[in-house]
Amino acid sequence: MSVLKVLGVDTSLRSTGYGVLLAENGRFRMLECGRIRNAPALPLTSCLRQIHSKISSLIEVHKPDVMAVESVIYAKNASTMLVLGEARGAVLSAAAAASLQVYEYEPRRMKRAVCGNALAEKSQVQRMVKVLLSLDCEPQNDAADALGLAICHVNSLSILSGDKPI
């Protein structure tokens, strides 16, 4: 792997983080990061449309080679799981429409790849992403998680882990 562009996405209905990472010859460079904010009063379908639209736009503008997303996590509240699944579906639908391969990583695996500690706090992920990408300031926590997912993907390729797209 000499050059790889990865779109990392940390999915949530109200604050989906994203980060576009360029990995070239063992060095990382952040091209863009941020979050898709949806107001609490915004109806579900409007939130899903905004998530899909922004992810589609990022794919069109940056033309990533792959997408890295957080794997589904389990929650006690079935309603929360359903909403998260719907938001994730909007992200995966945008990737599918662009024929973009998607890889998923557990939160602990991402934290281990970025911080060396699978139990790292969000603030630790933010600090390490800042250091690894030589950023002037720490990215917002959802954006940091998305960039962490992209870093995790690149690192997984480096150790030939055999990850397969979902």
Protein backbone atom coordinates (compact mmCIF):
# COMPACT_ATOMS: atom_id res chain seq x y z
CA MET A 1 0.00 0.00 0.00
CA SER A 2 1.57 3.26 -1.02
CA VAL A 3 -1.48 5.55 -1.15
CA LEU A 4 -4.89 4.93 0.38
CA LYS A 5 -7.77 7.33 1.04
CA VAL A 6 -10.18 6.25 3.78
CA LEU A 7 -13.48 7.80 4.81
CA GLY A 8 -14.09 7.03 8.47
CA VAL A 9 -17.63 7.38 9.83
CA ASP A 10 -18.77 7.25 13.46
CA THR A 11 -22.52 6.90 13.05
CA SER A 12 -25.14 8.48 15.28
CA LEU A 13 -28.52 10.01 14.50
CA ARG A 14 -27.82 13.40 16.08
CA SER A 15 -24.04 13.71 15.63
CA THR A 16 -22.38 11.55 12.98
CA GLY A 17 -18.63 12.06 12.89
CA TYR A 18 -16.66 11.81 9.67
CA GLY A 19 -13.03 12.05 8.68
CA VAL A 20 -11.18 11.65 5.41
CA LEU A 21 -7.66 10.33 5.84
CA LEU A 22 -4.90 10.03 3.27
CA ALA A 23 -2.30 7.39 4.09
CA GLU A 24 0.82 7.57 1.98
CA ASN A 25 4.01 5.59 2.58
CA GLY A 26 3.31 5.13 6.27
CA ARG A 27 2.31 8.76 6.89
CA PHE A 28 -1.18 10.07 7.63
CA ARG A 29 -2.78 13.32 6.53
CA MET A 30 -6.27 14.48 7.43
CA LEU A 31 -8.08 15.95 4.42
CA GLU A 32 -11.37 16.84 6.11
CA CYS A 33 -13.25 16.06 9.28
CA GLY A 34 -16.37 17.18 11.07
CA ARG A 35 -19.75 16.03 12.15
CA ILE A 36 -23.25 15.94 10.78
CA ARG A 37 -25.43 17.56 13.41
CA ASN A 38 -29.15 16.95 13.51
CA ALA A 39 -31.27 18.99 15.90
CA PRO A 40 -33.26 17.02 18.51
CA ALA A 41 -36.54 18.34 17.05
CA LEU A 42 -35.70 17.20 13.50
CA PRO A 43 -37.82 14.21 12.39
CA LEU A 44 -36.08 10.88 11.88
CA THR A 45 -36.49 10.87 8.09
CA SER A 46 -34.97 14.36 7.82
CA CYS A 47 -32.00 13.25 9.92
CA LEU A 48 -31.47 10.19 7.75
CA ARG A 49 -31.69 12.30 4.58
CA GLN A 50 -29.05 14.73 5.91
CA ILE A 51 -26.69 11.91 6.92
CA HIS A 52 -27.06 10.19 3.54
CA SER A 53 -26.64 13.45 1.64
CA LYS A 54 -23.47 14.54 3.48
CA ILE A 55 -21.83 11.11 3.26
CA SER A 56 -22.70 10.96 -0.46
CA SER A 57 -21.17 14.41 -0.94
CA LEU A 58 -17.98 13.42 0.91
CA ILE A 59 -17.66 10.33 -1.29
CA GLU A 60 -18.18 12.40 -4.43
CA VAL A 61 -15.69 15.11 -3.44
CA HIS A 62 -12.90 12.97 -1.93
CA LYS A 63 -13.35 9.71 -3.87
CA PRO A 64 -12.13 7.48 -1.03
CA ASP A 65 -10.85 3.99 -1.73
CA VAL A 66 -12.78 2.50 1.21
CA MET A 67 -15.00 3.43 4.14
CA ALA A 68 -14.35 2.41 7.76
CA VAL A 69 -17.30 2.39 10.17
CA GLU A 70 -17.87 1.42 13.76
CA SER A 71 -19.42 -2.02 14.12
CA VAL A 72 -22.85 -2.31 15.65
CA ILE A 73 -22.70 -2.04 19.42
CA TYR A 74 -25.28 -3.58 21.69
CA ALA A 75 -27.47 -1.49 23.96
CA LYS A 76 -30.07 -2.44 26.51
CA ASN A 77 -32.59 -0.13 24.90
CA ALA A 78 -34.02 -1.68 21.72
CA SER A 79 -35.31 1.70 20.53
CA THR A 80 -31.81 3.17 20.70
CA MET A 81 -30.43 0.22 18.74
CA LEU A 82 -33.10 0.61 16.08
CA VAL A 83 -32.40 4.33 15.58
CA LEU A 84 -28.64 3.71 15.44
CA GLY A 85 -29.26 0.96 12.87
CA GLU A 86 -31.33 3.33 10.76
CA ALA A 87 -28.60 5.99 10.84
CA ARG A 88 -26.02 3.34 9.98
CA GLY A 89 -28.25 2.26 7.08
CA ALA A 90 -28.15 5.81 5.68
CA VAL A 91 -24.33 5.71 5.77
CA LEU A 92 -24.10 2.23 4.25
CA SER A 93 -26.62 3.15 1.56
CA ALA A 94 -24.46 6.10 0.48
CA ALA A 95 -21.43 3.80 0.30
CA ALA A 96 -23.38 1.16 -1.65
CA ALA A 97 -24.63 3.74 -4.16
CA ALA A 98 -20.99 4.66 -4.85
CA SER A 99 -19.83 1.00 -4.95
CA LEU A 100 -17.53 1.79 -2.02
CA GLN A 101 -16.28 -1.13 0.08
CA VAL A 102 -17.04 -0.77 3.78
CA TYR A 103 -15.03 -2.25 6.66
CA GLU A 104 -16.25 -2.26 10.24
CA TYR A 105 -14.27 -2.13 13.47
CA GLU A 106 -15.30 -2.56 17.08
CA PRO A 107 -14.82 0.54 19.24
CA ARG A 108 -12.26 -1.29 21.37
CA ARG A 109 -10.23 -2.24 18.33
CA MET A 110 -10.18 1.36 17.12
CA LYS A 111 -9.11 2.60 20.56
CA ARG A 112 -6.35 -0.01 20.71
CA ALA A 113 -5.12 0.99 17.24
CA VAL A 114 -5.08 4.70 18.08
CA CYS A 115 -4.22 4.79 21.78
CA GLY A 116 -2.75 1.37 22.50
CA ASN A 117 -5.53 0.87 25.06
CA ALA A 118 -8.87 -0.72 24.18
CA LEU A 119 -10.49 1.04 27.14
CA ALA A 120 -9.29 4.55 26.24
CA GLU A 121 -11.60 7.48 26.96
CA LYS A 122 -12.90 9.73 24.16
CA SER A 123 -10.53 12.49 25.30
CA GLN A 124 -7.57 10.13 24.89
CA VAL A 125 -8.68 9.28 21.36
CA GLN A 126 -8.95 13.00 20.57
CA ARG A 127 -5.43 13.69 21.87
CA MET A 128 -3.87 10.75 20.03
CA VAL A 129 -5.61 11.58 16.75
CA LYS A 130 -4.24 15.12 17.08
CA VAL A 131 -0.73 13.74 17.61
CA LEU A 132 -0.88 11.05 14.91
CA LEU A 133 -2.19 13.49 12.30
CA SER A 134 -0.08 16.47 13.43
CA LEU A 135 -3.17 18.64 13.85
CA ASP A 136 -3.12 22.10 15.44
CA CYS A 137 -6.01 21.24 17.75
CA GLU A 138 -8.00 18.23 18.88
CA PRO A 139 -10.88 17.33 16.58
CA GLN A 140 -14.42 17.23 17.98
CA ASN A 141 -14.94 13.82 19.64
CA ASP A 142 -17.21 12.28 16.96
CA ALA A 143 -14.84 13.44 14.22
CA ALA A 144 -11.88 12.09 16.23
CA ASP A 145 -13.59 8.69 16.46
CA ALA A 146 -14.21 8.72 12.70
CA LEU A 147 -10.56 9.55 12.01
CA GLY A 148 -9.62 6.84 14.51
CA LEU A 149 -11.63 4.34 12.50
CA ALA A 150 -9.76 5.38 9.34
CA ILE A 151 -6.41 5.03 11.15
CA CYS A 152 -7.50 1.63 12.48
CA HIS A 153 -8.29 0.48 8.94
CA VAL A 154 -4.91 1.54 7.59
CA ASN A 155 -3.15 -0.10 10.53
CA SER A 156 -5.10 -3.31 10.00
CA LEU A 157 -3.84 -3.46 6.43
CA SER A 158 -0.29 -2.98 7.68
CA ILE A 159 -0.49 -6.12 9.80
CA LEU A 160 -2.32 -8.14 7.17
CA SER A 161 -5.23 -9.00 9.43
CA GLY A 162 -7.42 -10.33 6.64
CA ASP A 163 -10.32 -7.93 7.23
CA LYS A 164 -13.11 -8.32 4.74
CA PRO A 165 -15.66 -5.74 3.67
CA ILE A 166 -19.17 -5.95 5.07
